[in-house]
PDB file of N, CA and C in Angstrom:
ATOM      1  N   MET A   1     -18.259 -32.416 -31.704  1.00  0.00           N
ATOM      2  CA  MET A   1     -17.306 -32.656 -31.009  1.00  0.00           C
ATOM      3  C   MET A   1     -18.216 -33.757 -30.067  1.00  0.00           C
ATOM      4  N   SER A   2     -17.550 -34.813 -30.009  1.00  0.00           N
ATOM      5  CA  SER A   2     -18.221 -36.207 -29.344  1.00  0.00           C
ATOM      6  C   SER A   2     -17.407 -36.048 -28.108  1.00  0.00           C
ATOM      7  N   LEU A   3     -17.752 -36.588 -26.984  1.00  0.00           N
ATOM      8  CA  LEU A   3     -16.828 -36.813 -25.961  1.00  0.00           C
ATOM      9  C   LEU A   3     -16.788 -37.802 -24.828  1.00  0.00           C
ATOM     10  N   LYS A   4     -16.081 -38.578 -24.698  1.00  0.00           N
ATOM     11  CA  LYS A   4     -15.934 -40.140 -24.479  1.00  0.00           C
ATOM     12  C   LYS A   4     -16.294 -39.920 -22.744  1.00  0.00           C
ATOM     13  N   GLY A   5     -16.472 -41.099 -22.214  1.00  0.00           N
ATOM     14  CA  GLY A   5     -16.864 -41.258 -20.959  1.00  0.00           C
ATOM     15  C   GLY A   5     -16.040 -40.908 -19.921  1.00  0.00           C
ATOM     16  N   ILE A   6     -14.552 -41.231 -20.298  1.00  0.00           N
ATOM     17  CA  ILE A   6     -13.412 -40.999 -19.329  1.00  0.00           C
ATOM     18  C   ILE A   6     -13.153 -39.137 -19.611  1.00  0.00           C
ATOM     19  N   GLU A   7     -13.431 -38.536 -20.791  1.00  0.00           N
ATOM     20  CA  GLU A   7     -13.492 -37.029 -20.650  1.00  0.00           C
ATOM     21  C   GLU A   7     -14.558 -36.190 -19.652  1.00  0.00           C
ATOM     22  N   LEU A   8     -15.809 -37.184 -19.651  1.00  0.00           N
ATOM     23  CA  LEU A   8     -16.879 -36.375 -19.117  1.00  0.00           C
ATOM     24  C   LEU A   8     -15.902 -36.601 -17.499  1.00  0.00           C
ATOM     25  N   GLN A   9     -15.316 -37.625 -17.069  1.00  0.00           N
ATOM     26  CA  GLN A   9     -15.410 -37.898 -15.423  1.00  0.00           C
ATOM     27  C   GLN A   9     -14.658 -36.376 -15.807  1.00  0.00           C
ATOM     28  N   ILE A  10     -13.637 -35.637 -16.072  1.00  0.00           N
ATOM     29  CA  ILE A  10     -12.233 -34.998 -15.726  1.00  0.00           C
ATOM     30  C   ILE A  10     -13.615 -33.508 -16.154  1.00  0.00           C
ATOM     31  N   ALA A  11     -13.959 -33.195 -17.358  1.00  0.00           N
ATOM     32  CA  ALA A  11     -14.969 -32.167 -17.220  1.00  0.00           C
ATOM     33  C   ALA A  11     -15.698 -31.614 -17.144  1.00  0.00           C
ATOM     34  N   ILE A  12     -16.841 -32.166 -16.001  1.00  0.00           N
ATOM     35  CA  ILE A  12     -17.587 -32.101 -15.578  1.00  0.00           C
ATOM     36  C   ILE A  12     -17.477 -31.283 -13.679  1.00  0.00           C
ATOM     37  N   PRO A  13     -16.438 -32.107 -13.272  1.00  0.00           N
ATOM     38  CA  PRO A  13     -16.070 -31.460 -12.145  1.00  0.00           C
ATOM     39  C   PRO A  13     -15.013 -30.325 -12.411  1.00  0.00           C
ATOM     40  N   LYS A  14     -14.518 -29.482 -13.454  1.00  0.00           N
ATOM     41  CA  LYS A  14     -13.758 -28.896 -14.133  1.00  0.00           C
ATOM     42  C   LYS A  14     -14.825 -27.416 -14.032  1.00  0.00           C
ATOM     43  N   THR A  15     -15.886 -28.053 -14.351  1.00  0.00           N
ATOM     44  CA  THR A  15     -16.988 -27.089 -15.086  1.00  0.00           C
ATOM     45  C   THR A  15     -17.463 -26.400 -13.840  1.00  0.00           C
ATOM     46  N   PHE A  16     -17.836 -27.279 -12.675  1.00  0.00           N
ATOM     47  CA  PHE A  16     -18.558 -26.804 -11.280  1.00  0.00           C
ATOM     48  C   PHE A  16     -17.295 -25.819 -10.921  1.00  0.00           C
ATOM     49  N   GLU A  17     -15.902 -25.928 -11.211  1.00  0.00           N
ATOM     50  CA  GLU A  17     -15.149 -25.374 -10.165  1.00  0.00           C
ATOM     51  C   GLU A  17     -14.781 -23.776 -11.202  1.00  0.00           C
ATOM     52  N   ALA A  18     -15.295 -23.854 -12.480  1.00  0.00           N
ATOM     53  CA  ALA A  18     -14.893 -23.036 -13.382  1.00  0.00           C
ATOM     54  C   ALA A  18     -16.305 -21.595 -12.831  1.00  0.00           C
ATOM     55  N   GLY A  19     -17.533 -22.456 -12.413  1.00  0.00           N
ATOM     56  CA  GLY A  19     -18.458 -21.714 -12.378  1.00  0.00           C
ATOM     57  C   GLY A  19     -18.419 -21.045 -10.771  1.00  0.00           C
ATOM     58  N   LYS A  20     -17.797 -22.006  -9.529  1.00  0.00           N
ATOM     59  CA  LYS A  20     -17.896 -21.335  -8.251  1.00  0.00           C
ATOM     60  C   LYS A  20     -16.673 -19.905  -8.480  1.00  0.00           C
ATOM     61  N   MET A  21     -15.192 -20.226  -9.595  1.00  0.00           N
ATOM     62  CA  MET A  21     -14.523 -19.286  -9.707  1.00  0.00           C
ATOM     63  C   MET A  21     -15.499 -17.969 -10.036  1.00  0.00           C
ATOM     64  N   ALA A  22     -16.361 -18.345 -11.273  1.00  0.00           N
ATOM     65  CA  ALA A  22     -16.645 -16.839 -11.774  1.00  0.00           C
ATOM     66  C   ALA A  22     -17.904 -16.560 -11.083  1.00  0.00           C
ATOM     67  N   GLU A  23     -18.299 -17.181 -10.165  1.00  0.00           N
ATOM     68  CA  GLU A  23     -18.996 -16.307  -8.985  1.00  0.00           C
ATOM     69  C   GLU A  23     -18.576 -15.615  -7.764  1.00  0.00           C
ATOM     70  N   GLN A  24     -17.292 -16.190  -7.408  1.00  0.00           N
ATOM     71  CA  GLN A  24     -16.250 -15.823  -6.673  1.00  0.00           C
ATOM     72  C   GLN A  24     -15.946 -14.134  -7.534  1.00  0.00           C
ATOM     73  N   LYS A  25     -15.488 -14.204  -8.085  1.00  0.00           N
ATOM     74  CA  LYS A  25     -14.895 -12.919  -9.102  1.00  0.00           C
ATOM     75  C   LYS A  25     -16.320 -11.835  -9.327  1.00  0.00           C
ATOM     76  N   GLN A  26     -17.675 -12.196  -9.449  1.00  0.00           N
ATOM     77  CA  GLN A  26     -18.481 -11.450  -9.398  1.00  0.00           C
ATOM     78  C   GLN A  26     -18.822 -10.995  -7.962  1.00  0.00           C
ATOM     79  N   GLN A  27     -18.625 -11.626  -7.103  1.00  0.00           N
ATOM     80  CA  GLN A  27     -19.022 -11.117  -5.817  1.00  0.00           C
ATOM     81  C   GLN A  27     -18.042 -10.475  -5.251  1.00  0.00           C
ATOM     82  N   GLN A  28     -16.813 -10.539  -5.662  1.00  0.00           N
ATOM     83  CA  GLN A  28     -15.509  -9.739  -5.488  1.00  0.00           C
ATOM     84  C   GLN A  28     -16.027  -8.490  -5.883  1.00  0.00           C
ATOM     85  N   SER A  29     -16.289  -8.419  -7.199  1.00  0.00           N
ATOM     86  CA  SER A  29     -16.556  -7.037  -7.996  1.00  0.00           C
ATOM     87  C   SER A  29     -17.302  -6.535  -7.493  1.00  0.00           C
ATOM     88  N   GLN A  30     -18.467  -6.763  -7.322  1.00  0.00           N
ATOM     89  CA  GLN A  30     -19.793  -6.112  -6.370  1.00  0.00           C
ATOM     90  C   GLN A  30     -19.451  -5.417  -4.932  1.00  0.00           C
ATOM     91  N   LEU A  31     -18.494  -6.495  -4.183  1.00  0.00           N
ATOM     92  CA  LEU A  31     -18.371  -6.033  -3.241  1.00  0.00           C
ATOM     93  C   LEU A  31     -17.043  -4.425  -3.615  1.00  0.00           C
ATOM     94  N   ASN A  32     -16.398  -4.910  -4.284  1.00  0.00           N
ATOM     95  CA  ASN A  32     -15.520  -3.199  -4.399  1.00  0.00           C
ATOM     96  C   ASN A  32     -16.684  -2.270  -5.198  1.00  0.00           C
ATOM     97  N   GLN A  33     -17.401  -2.348  -6.002  1.00  0.00           N
ATOM     98  CA  GLN A  33     -17.952  -1.428  -5.848  1.00  0.00           C
ATOM     99  C   GLN A  33     -18.654  -0.900  -4.770  1.00  0.00           C
ATOM    100  N   ASP A  34     -18.935  -1.778  -3.674  1.00  0.00           N
ATOM    101  CA  ASP A  34     -19.680  -1.193  -2.582  1.00  0.00           C
ATOM    102  C   ASP A  34     -19.010  -0.529  -1.788  1.00  0.00           C
ATOM    103  N   GLN A  35     -17.801  -0.837  -1.814  1.00  0.00           N
ATOM    104  CA  GLN A  35     -16.560  -0.372  -0.737  1.00  0.00           C
ATOM    105  C   GLN A  35     -16.308   1.334  -1.622  1.00  0.00           C
ATOM    106  N   ALA A  36     -16.386   1.480  -2.962  1.00  0.00           N
ATOM    107  CA  ALA A  36     -16.277   2.589  -3.622  1.00  0.00           C
ATOM    108  C   ALA A  36     -17.160   3.532  -2.920  1.00  0.00           C
ATOM    109  N   GLN A  37     -18.325   3.005  -3.382  1.00  0.00           N
ATOM    110  CA  GLN A  37     -19.515   3.776  -3.262  1.00  0.00           C
ATOM    111  C   GLN A  37     -19.667   4.063  -1.761  1.00  0.00           C
ATOM    112  N   LEU A  38     -19.366   3.352  -1.270  1.00  0.00           N
ATOM    113  CA  LEU A  38     -19.311   3.680   0.802  1.00  0.00           C
ATOM    114  C   LEU A  38     -18.280   4.876   0.800  1.00  0.00           C
ATOM    115  N   GLN A  39     -17.332   4.668   0.280  1.00  0.00           N
ATOM    116  CA  GLN A  39     -15.902   5.495   0.460  1.00  0.00           C
ATOM    117  C   GLN A  39     -16.777   7.041  -0.531  1.00  0.00           C
ATOM    118  N   ASN A  40     -17.095   7.208  -1.318  1.00  0.00           N
ATOM    119  CA  ASN A  40     -17.485   8.379  -2.034  1.00  0.00           C
ATOM    120  C   ASN A  40     -18.859   8.843  -0.913  1.00  0.00           C
ATOM    121  N   GLU A  41     -19.423   8.254  -0.539  1.00  0.00           N
ATOM    122  CA  GLU A  41     -20.599   8.880   0.171  1.00  0.00           C
ATOM    123  C   GLU A  41     -20.062   9.391   2.036  1.00  0.00           C
ATOM    124  N   LYS A  42     -18.921   8.918   2.252  1.00  0.00           N
ATOM    125  CA  LYS A  42     -18.333   9.425   3.175  1.00  0.00           C
ATOM    126  C   LYS A  42     -17.578  10.604   2.889  1.00  0.00           C
ATOM    127  N   GLU A  43     -17.177  10.666   1.781  1.00  0.00           N
ATOM    128  CA  GLU A  43     -16.212  11.894   1.154  1.00  0.00           C
ATOM    129  C   GLU A  43     -16.923  13.052   1.057  1.00  0.00           C
ATOM    130  N   ALA A  44     -18.294  12.454   0.264  1.00  0.00           N
ATOM    131  CA  ALA A  44     -19.017  13.704   0.284  1.00  0.00           C
ATOM    132  C   ALA A  44     -19.836  14.174   1.308  1.00  0.00           C
ATOM    133  N   LEU A  45     -20.064  13.660   2.428  1.00  0.00           N
ATOM    134  CA  LEU A  45     -20.437  13.702   3.967  1.00  0.00           C
ATOM    135  C   LEU A  45     -19.356  14.560   4.359  1.00  0.00           C
ATOM    136  N   LYS A  46     -18.147  14.294   4.336  1.00  0.00           N
ATOM    137  CA  LYS A  46     -17.117  15.058   5.101  1.00  0.00           C
ATOM    138  C   LYS A  46     -17.241  16.680   4.151  1.00  0.00           C
ATOM    139  N   ASN A  47     -17.272  16.628   2.592  1.00  0.00           N
ATOM    140  CA  ASN A  47     -17.153  17.665   1.966  1.00  0.00           C
ATOM    141  C   ASN A  47     -18.336  18.337   2.322  1.00  0.00           C
ATOM    142  N   ARG A  48     -19.228  18.061   2.689  1.00  0.00           N
ATOM    143  CA  ARG A  48     -20.394  18.974   3.137  1.00  0.00           C
ATOM    144  C   ARG A  48     -20.416  19.418   4.457  1.00  0.00           C
ATOM    145  N   GLU A  49     -19.987  18.762   5.374  1.00  0.00           N
ATOM    146  CA  GLU A  49     -19.405  19.439   6.674  1.00  0.00           C
ATOM    147  C   GLU A  49     -18.493  20.388   7.007  1.00  0.00           C
ATOM    148  N   SER A  50     -17.416  20.385   5.905  1.00  0.00           N
ATOM    149  CA  SER A  50     -16.411  20.677   6.088  1.00  0.00           C
ATOM    150  C   SER A  50     -16.268  22.403   5.328  1.00  0.00           C
ATOM    151  N   VAL A  51     -15.815  22.886   6.037  1.00  0.00           N
ATOM    152  CA  VAL A  51     -15.613  24.273   5.429  1.00  0.00           C
ATOM    153  C   VAL A  51     -14.318  24.278   3.791  1.00  0.00           C
ATOM    154  N   ARG A  52     -15.051  24.651   2.823  1.00  0.00           N
ATOM    155  CA  ARG A  52     -14.015  24.467   1.821  1.00  0.00           C
ATOM    156  C   ARG A  52     -12.913  25.854   1.630  1.00  0.00           C
ATOM    157  N   HIS A  53     -13.659  27.072   1.584  1.00  0.00           N
ATOM    158  CA  HIS A  53     -12.720  28.681   1.624  1.00  0.00           C
ATOM    159  C   HIS A  53     -13.224  29.498   2.731  1.00  0.00           C
ATOM    160  N   SER A  54     -11.892  29.153   3.264  1.00  0.00           N
ATOM    161  CA  SER A  54     -12.583  30.232   4.515  1.00  0.00           C
ATOM    162  C   SER A  54     -11.423  31.703   4.810  1.00  0.00           C
ATOM    163  N   GLU A  55     -10.876  31.974   3.539  1.00  0.00           N
ATOM    164  CA  GLU A  55      -9.710  32.273   3.686  1.00  0.00           C
ATOM    165  C   GLU A  55     -10.425  34.049   4.021  1.00  0.00           C
ATOM    166  N   LYS A  56     -11.378  34.096   3.153  1.00  0.00           N
ATOM    167  CA  LYS A  56     -11.870  35.637   3.573  1.00  0.00           C
ATOM    168  C   LYS A  56     -12.615  35.999   4.723  1.00  0.00           C
ATOM    169  N   TYR A  57     -12.749  35.175   5.458  1.00  0.00           N
ATOM    170  CA  TYR A  57     -13.466  35.183   6.902  1.00  0.00           C
ATOM    171  C   TYR A  57     -12.276  34.583   7.785  1.00  0.00           C
ATOM    172  N   ALA A  58     -11.370  34.134   7.753  1.00  0.00           N
ATOM    173  CA  ALA A  58     -10.350  33.642   8.501  1.00  0.00           C
ATOM    174  C   ALA A  58      -9.289  34.551   8.859  1.00  0.00           C
ATOM    175  N   LYS A  59      -9.457  36.075   8.346  1.00  0.00           N
ATOM    176  CA  LYS A  59      -8.363  36.456   8.765  1.00  0.00           C
ATOM    177  C   LYS A  59      -8.841  37.342  10.026  1.00  0.00           C
ATOM    178  N   THR A  60      -7.909  37.554  10.848  1.00  0.00           N
ATOM    179  CA  THR A  60      -8.367  38.293  12.060  1.00  0.00           C
ATOM    180  C   THR A  60      -7.788  39.514  11.942  1.00  0.00           C
ATOM    181  N   ASP A  61      -8.407  40.705  12.963  1.00  0.00           N
ATOM    182  CA  ASP A  61      -8.343  41.772  12.905  1.00  0.00           C
ATOM    183  C   ASP A  61      -6.349  41.739  13.839  1.00  0.00           C
ATOM    184  N   LYS A  62      -5.626  42.030  13.956  1.00  0.00           N
ATOM    185  CA  LYS A  62      -4.435  41.846  14.570  1.00  0.00           C
ATOM    186  C   LYS A  62      -4.529  43.516  15.230  1.00  0.00           C
ATOM    187  N   ASP A  63      -4.160  43.182  16.762  1.00  0.00           N
ATOM    188  CA  ASP A  63      -3.719  44.775  17.391  1.00  0.00           C
ATOM    189  C   ASP A  63      -2.328  45.190  16.855  1.00  0.00           C
ATOM    190  N   SER A  64      -2.289  46.240  17.516  1.00  0.00           N
ATOM    191  CA  SER A  64      -1.495  47.281  17.458  1.00  0.00           C
ATOM    192  C   SER A  64      -0.003  46.499  17.624  1.00  0.00           C
ATOM    193  N   LYS A  65      -0.142  45.653  18.795  1.00  0.00           N
ATOM    194  CA  LYS A  65       1.177  45.132  18.975  1.00  0.00           C
ATOM    195  C   LYS A  65       1.577  44.019  18.216  1.00  0.00           C
ATOM    196  N   GLY A  66       0.580  43.379  17.259  1.00  0.00           N
ATOM    197  CA  GLY A  66       1.203  42.229  16.750  1.00  0.00           C
ATOM    198  C   GLY A  66       1.064  42.886  15.276  1.00  0.00           C
ATOM    199  N   LYS A  67       0.741  43.766  14.913  1.00  0.00           N
ATOM    200  CA  LYS A  67       1.400  44.650  13.942  1.00  0.00           C
ATOM    201  C   LYS A  67       2.492  44.953  13.409  1.00  0.00           C
ATOM    202  N   SER A  68       3.106  45.975  14.994  1.00  0.00           N
ATOM    203  CA  SER A  68       4.638  45.995  15.302  1.00  0.00           C
ATOM    204  C   SER A  68       5.628  44.864  15.375  1.00  0.00           C
ATOM    205  N   GLN A  69       5.002  44.130  15.696  1.00  0.00           N
ATOM    206  CA  GLN A  69       5.753  42.499  15.746  1.00  0.00           C
ATOM    207  C   GLN A  69       6.031  42.013  14.285  1.00  0.00           C
ATOM    208  N   ASP A  70       5.198  41.992  13.642  1.00  0.00           N
ATOM    209  CA  ASP A  70       5.294  41.560  12.383  1.00  0.00           C
ATOM    210  C   ASP A  70       6.271  42.954  11.404  1.00  0.00           C
ATOM    211  N   ASN A  71       6.085  44.006  11.392  1.00  0.00           N
ATOM    212  CA  ASN A  71       6.661  45.166  10.747  1.00  0.00           C
ATOM    213  C   ASN A  71       8.465  44.748  11.539  1.00  0.00           C
ATOM    214  N   GLU A  72       8.676  44.554  13.087  1.00  0.00           N
ATOM    215  CA  GLU A  72       9.658  44.378  13.700  1.00  0.00           C
ATOM    216  C   GLU A  72      10.656  43.391  12.931  1.00  0.00           C
ATOM    217  N   ARG A  73       9.706  41.876  12.507  1.00  0.00           N
ATOM    218  CA  ARG A  73      10.430  40.948  12.254  1.00  0.00           C
ATOM    219  C   ARG A  73      10.585  41.584  10.241  1.00  0.00           C
ATOM    220  N   ASN A  74       9.651  41.609   9.634  1.00  0.00           N
ATOM    221  CA  ASN A  74      10.297  42.074   8.271  1.00  0.00           C
ATOM    222  C   ASN A  74      11.485  43.450   7.888  1.00  0.00           C
ATOM    223  N   GLU A  75      11.292  44.218   9.486  1.00  0.00           N
ATOM    224  CA  GLU A  75      12.485  44.720   9.059  1.00  0.00           C
ATOM    225  C   GLU A  75      13.842  44.480   9.380  1.00  0.00           C
ATOM    226  N   LYS A  76      13.726  43.550  10.407  1.00  0.00           N
ATOM    227  CA  LYS A  76      14.843  42.912  10.633  1.00  0.00           C
ATOM    228  C   LYS A  76      15.319  41.550   9.604  1.00  0.00           C
ATOM    229  N   GLU A  77      14.868  41.120   9.070  1.00  0.00           N
ATOM    230  CA  GLU A  77      14.698  40.349   7.814  1.00  0.00           C
ATOM    231  C   GLU A  77      15.586  41.303   6.377  1.00  0.00           C
ATOM    232  N   ARG A  78      14.863  42.152   6.399  1.00  0.00           N
ATOM    233  CA  ARG A  78      15.198  43.174   5.351  1.00  0.00           C
ATOM    234  C   ARG A  78      16.944  43.757   5.332  1.00  0.00           C
ATOM    235  N   GLN A  79      16.892  43.987   6.811  1.00  0.00           N
ATOM    236  CA  GLN A  79      18.225  44.597   6.939  1.00  0.00           C
ATOM    237  C   GLN A  79      19.462  43.489   6.780  1.00  0.00           C
ATOM    238  N   HIS A  80      19.190  42.347   7.550  1.00  0.00           N
ATOM    239  CA  HIS A  80      19.735  40.836   7.523  1.00  0.00           C
ATOM    240  C   HIS A  80      19.963  40.452   5.512  1.00  0.00           C
ATOM    241  N   ASN A  81      19.115  40.971   4.871  1.00  0.00           N
ATOM    242  CA  ASN A  81      19.094  40.727   3.586  1.00  0.00           C
ATOM    243  C   ASN A  81      20.427  41.465   2.564  1.00  0.00           C
ATOM    244  N   GLU A  82      20.095  42.873   3.273  1.00  0.00           N
ATOM    245  CA  GLU A  82      21.174  44.120   3.085  1.00  0.00           C
ATOM    246  C   GLU A  82      22.342  43.871   3.330  1.00  0.00           C
ATOM    247  N   GLU A  83      22.640  43.138   4.379  1.00  0.00           N
ATOM    248  CA  GLU A  83      23.791  43.135   5.567  1.00  0.00           C
ATOM    249  C   GLU A  83      24.702  42.133   4.372  1.00  0.00           C
ATOM    250  N   GLU A  84      23.865  40.916   4.029  1.00  0.00           N
ATOM    251  CA  GLU A  84      24.761  39.999   3.103  1.00  0.00           C
ATOM    252  C   GLU A  84      24.546  40.405   2.222  1.00  0.00           C
ATOM    253  N   LYS A  85      24.383  41.115   1.305  1.00  0.00           N
ATOM    254  CA  LYS A  85      24.074  41.595  -0.183  1.00  0.00           C
ATOM    255  C   LYS A  85      25.587  42.684  -0.191  1.00  0.00           C
ATOM    256  N   LYS A  86      25.889  43.454   1.054  1.00  0.00           N
ATOM    257  CA  LYS A  86      27.262  44.101   1.354  1.00  0.00           C
ATOM    258  C   LYS A  86      28.045  43.414   1.562  1.00  0.00           C
ATOM    259  N   THR A  87      28.809  42.665   2.407  1.00  0.00           N
ATOM    260  CA  THR A  87      29.500  41.815   2.578  1.00  0.00           C
ATOM    261  C   THR A  87      30.166  41.404   1.908  1.00  0.00           C
ATOM    262  N   LYS A  88      31.320  41.493   1.525  1.00  0.00           N
ATOM    263  CA  LYS A  88      32.193  40.474   0.878  1.00  0.00           C
ATOM    264  C   LYS A  88      32.648  39.196   0.963  1.00  0.00           C
ATOM    265  N   HIS A  89      32.730  38.123   0.359  1.00  0.00           N
ATOM    266  CA  HIS A  89      33.557  36.867   0.969  1.00  0.00           C
ATOM    267  C   HIS A  89      34.877  37.259   0.732  1.00  0.00           C
ATOM    268  N   PRO A  90      35.787  36.898   1.415  1.00  0.00           N
ATOM    269  CA  PRO A  90      37.633  37.158   1.323  1.00  0.00           C
ATOM    270  C   PRO A  90      38.135  36.863   0.392  1.00  0.00           C
ATOM    271  N   TYR A  91      37.697  35.388  -0.232  1.00  0.00           N
ATOM    272  CA  TYR A  91      38.140  35.027  -1.131  1.00  0.00           C
ATOM    273  C   TYR A  91      37.238  34.605  -2.468  1.00  0.00           C
ATOM    274  N   LYS A  92      36.002  34.442  -2.254  1.00  0.00           N
ATOM    275  CA  LYS A  92      34.727  33.743  -3.347  1.00  0.00           C
ATOM    276  C   LYS A  92      34.669  34.533  -4.313  1.00  0.00           C
ATOM    277  N   GLY A  93      35.025  34.821  -5.368  1.00  0.00           N
ATOM    278  CA  GLY A  93      34.586  35.351  -6.769  1.00  0.00           C
ATOM    279  C   GLY A  93      35.825  36.278  -6.894  1.00  0.00           C
ATOM    280  N   SER A  94      36.624  36.212  -6.154  1.00  0.00           N
ATOM    281  CA  SER A  94      37.849  37.411  -6.525  1.00  0.00           C
ATOM    282  C   SER A  94      38.715  36.663  -7.383  1.00  0.00           C
ATOM    283  N   PHE A  95      38.774  35.506  -7.289  1.00  0.00           N
ATOM    284  CA  PHE A  95      39.702  34.686  -8.043  1.00  0.00           C
ATOM    285  C   PHE A  95      39.635  33.786  -8.795  1.00  0.00           C
ATOM    286  N   VAL A  96      40.074  33.051 -10.226  1.00  0.00           N
ATOM    287  CA  VAL A  96      39.437  32.436 -10.574  1.00  0.00           C
ATOM    288  C   VAL A  96      40.806  31.683 -11.223  1.00  0.00           C
ATOM    289  N   ASP A  97      40.974  30.171 -10.641  1.00  0.00           N
ATOM    290  CA  ASP A  97      41.931  29.593 -10.953  1.00  0.00           C
ATOM    291  C   ASP A  97      42.027  28.936 -12.141  1.00  0.00           C
ATOM    292  N   PHE A  98      42.710  29.167 -14.018  1.00  0.00           N
ATOM    293  CA  PHE A  98      42.230  28.578 -14.476  1.00  0.00           C
ATOM    294  C   PHE A  98      43.731  27.563 -14.966  1.00  0.00           C
ATOM    295  N   THR A  99      44.334  26.857 -14.251  1.00  0.00           N
ATOM    296  CA  THR A  99      45.605  26.334 -14.362  1.00  0.00           C
ATOM    297  C   THR A  99      45.276  24.927 -14.534  1.00  0.00           C
ATOM    298  N   GLY A 100      45.386  24.252 -14.805  1.00  0.00           N
ATOM    299  CA  GLY A 100      45.191  22.722 -14.512  1.00  0.00           C
ATOM    300  C   GLY A 100      45.496  21.755 -15.574  1.00  0.00           C
TER     301      GLY A 100
END
């Protein structure tokens, strides 16, 4: 395949443009990889410095006042739930209208 002089005038500048675009894409890929690596390093550092599982040690001993408040709250919730079960709604569930 031979190229004529006029075709070379168009092809050579486009070759340089294509080379520049390829280089920019390669640099962008490298920048993306560098940023991803930096993000991973930051996350690893954060994970090393932070506490992962502390449930076992995070529980504190409550004094008798705190326990009694919890017990009172649980008792009130239980009583409220029982009252809701006992109260019968005046019309809900007592009549179904099948006419239509």
